Amino acid sequence: MVNYDLTIWRDETKKRKAYTSEFTAAAVSLKIWNLERFAAGSAEALARRTADAAEPHRLRLVLNTIALL
């Protein structure tokens, strides 16, 4: 036999947490800051890759200029 007085129903144990508006605003600000930081890092990496790709071309131009002198 089941003692229903001691049974804890699942819906009674799972309560949804209520966050304050200040906490939610702070969490959103932190998320935006983190995304901006990630985007800046990605833009920096893209600029570095572009510069690295242009380096051989720039060196070739310099060497051709020296060869013409």
Protein backbone atom coordinates (compact mmCIF):
# COMPACT_ATOMS: atom_id res chain seq x y z
CA MET A 1 0.00 0.00 0.00
CA VAL A 2 1.13 3.52 -0.77
CA ASN A 3 1.07 6.11 1.96
CA TYR A 4 -0.22 9.16 0.11
CA ASP A 5 0.54 11.47 3.04
CA LEU A 6 4.30 10.95 2.54
CA THR A 7 4.27 11.03 -1.25
CA ILE A 8 5.80 14.16 -2.76
CA TRP A 9 4.26 14.93 -6.08
CA ARG A 10 6.57 15.98 -8.87
CA ASP A 11 4.77 19.24 -9.64
CA GLU A 12 5.12 20.31 -6.02
CA THR A 13 8.91 19.92 -6.02
CA LYS A 14 9.61 21.70 -9.32
CA LYS A 15 9.08 25.38 -8.75
CA ARG A 16 10.02 27.96 -11.39
CA LYS A 17 12.50 30.53 -10.16
CA ALA A 18 11.38 34.12 -10.39
CA TYR A 19 14.20 36.55 -11.09
CA THR A 20 14.09 40.22 -10.29
CA SER A 21 14.07 42.74 -13.13
CA GLU A 22 17.46 44.06 -11.95
CA PHE A 23 19.00 40.60 -12.19
CA THR A 24 17.50 40.02 -15.63
CA ALA A 25 18.77 43.40 -16.88
CA ALA A 26 22.26 42.64 -15.55
CA ALA A 27 22.25 39.21 -17.21
CA VAL A 28 21.18 40.70 -20.55
CA SER A 29 23.88 43.40 -20.31
CA LEU A 30 26.50 40.77 -19.56
CA LYS A 31 25.36 38.67 -22.53
CA ILE A 32 25.53 41.69 -24.87
CA TRP A 33 28.99 42.61 -23.58
CA ASN A 34 30.22 39.06 -24.10
CA LEU A 35 28.84 38.94 -27.66
CA GLU A 36 30.45 42.31 -28.49
CA ARG A 37 33.77 41.09 -27.10
CA PHE A 38 33.54 37.93 -29.19
CA ALA A 39 32.66 39.93 -32.32
CA ALA A 40 35.62 42.27 -31.75
CA GLY A 41 37.92 39.28 -31.44
CA SER A 42 36.51 37.82 -34.65
CA ALA A 43 36.97 41.13 -36.49
CA GLU A 44 40.54 41.34 -35.19
CA ALA A 45 41.27 37.81 -36.38
CA LEU A 46 39.76 38.56 -39.79
CA ALA A 47 41.91 41.70 -40.14
CA ARG A 48 45.00 39.71 -39.14
CA ARG A 49 44.21 36.98 -41.70
CA THR A 50 43.67 39.58 -44.42
CA ALA A 51 46.97 41.27 -43.57
CA ASP A 52 48.78 37.92 -43.55
CA ALA A 53 47.30 37.06 -46.95
CA ALA A 54 48.41 40.43 -48.39
CA GLU A 55 51.97 40.11 -47.06
CA PRO A 56 53.39 37.90 -49.88
CA HIS A 57 51.93 40.24 -52.49
CA ARG A 58 53.47 43.27 -50.77
CA LEU A 59 56.87 41.54 -50.56
CA ARG A 60 56.69 40.59 -54.23
CA LEU A 61 56.05 44.25 -55.13
CA VAL A 62 59.00 45.38 -53.03
CA LEU A 63 61.31 42.79 -54.62
CA ASN A 64 60.17 43.71 -58.13
CA THR A 65 60.83 47.37 -57.38
CA ILE A 66 64.33 46.57 -56.11
CA ALA A 67 65.01 44.39 -59.18
CA LEU A 68 64.05 47.27 -61.49
CA LEU A 69 66.57 49.60 -59.81
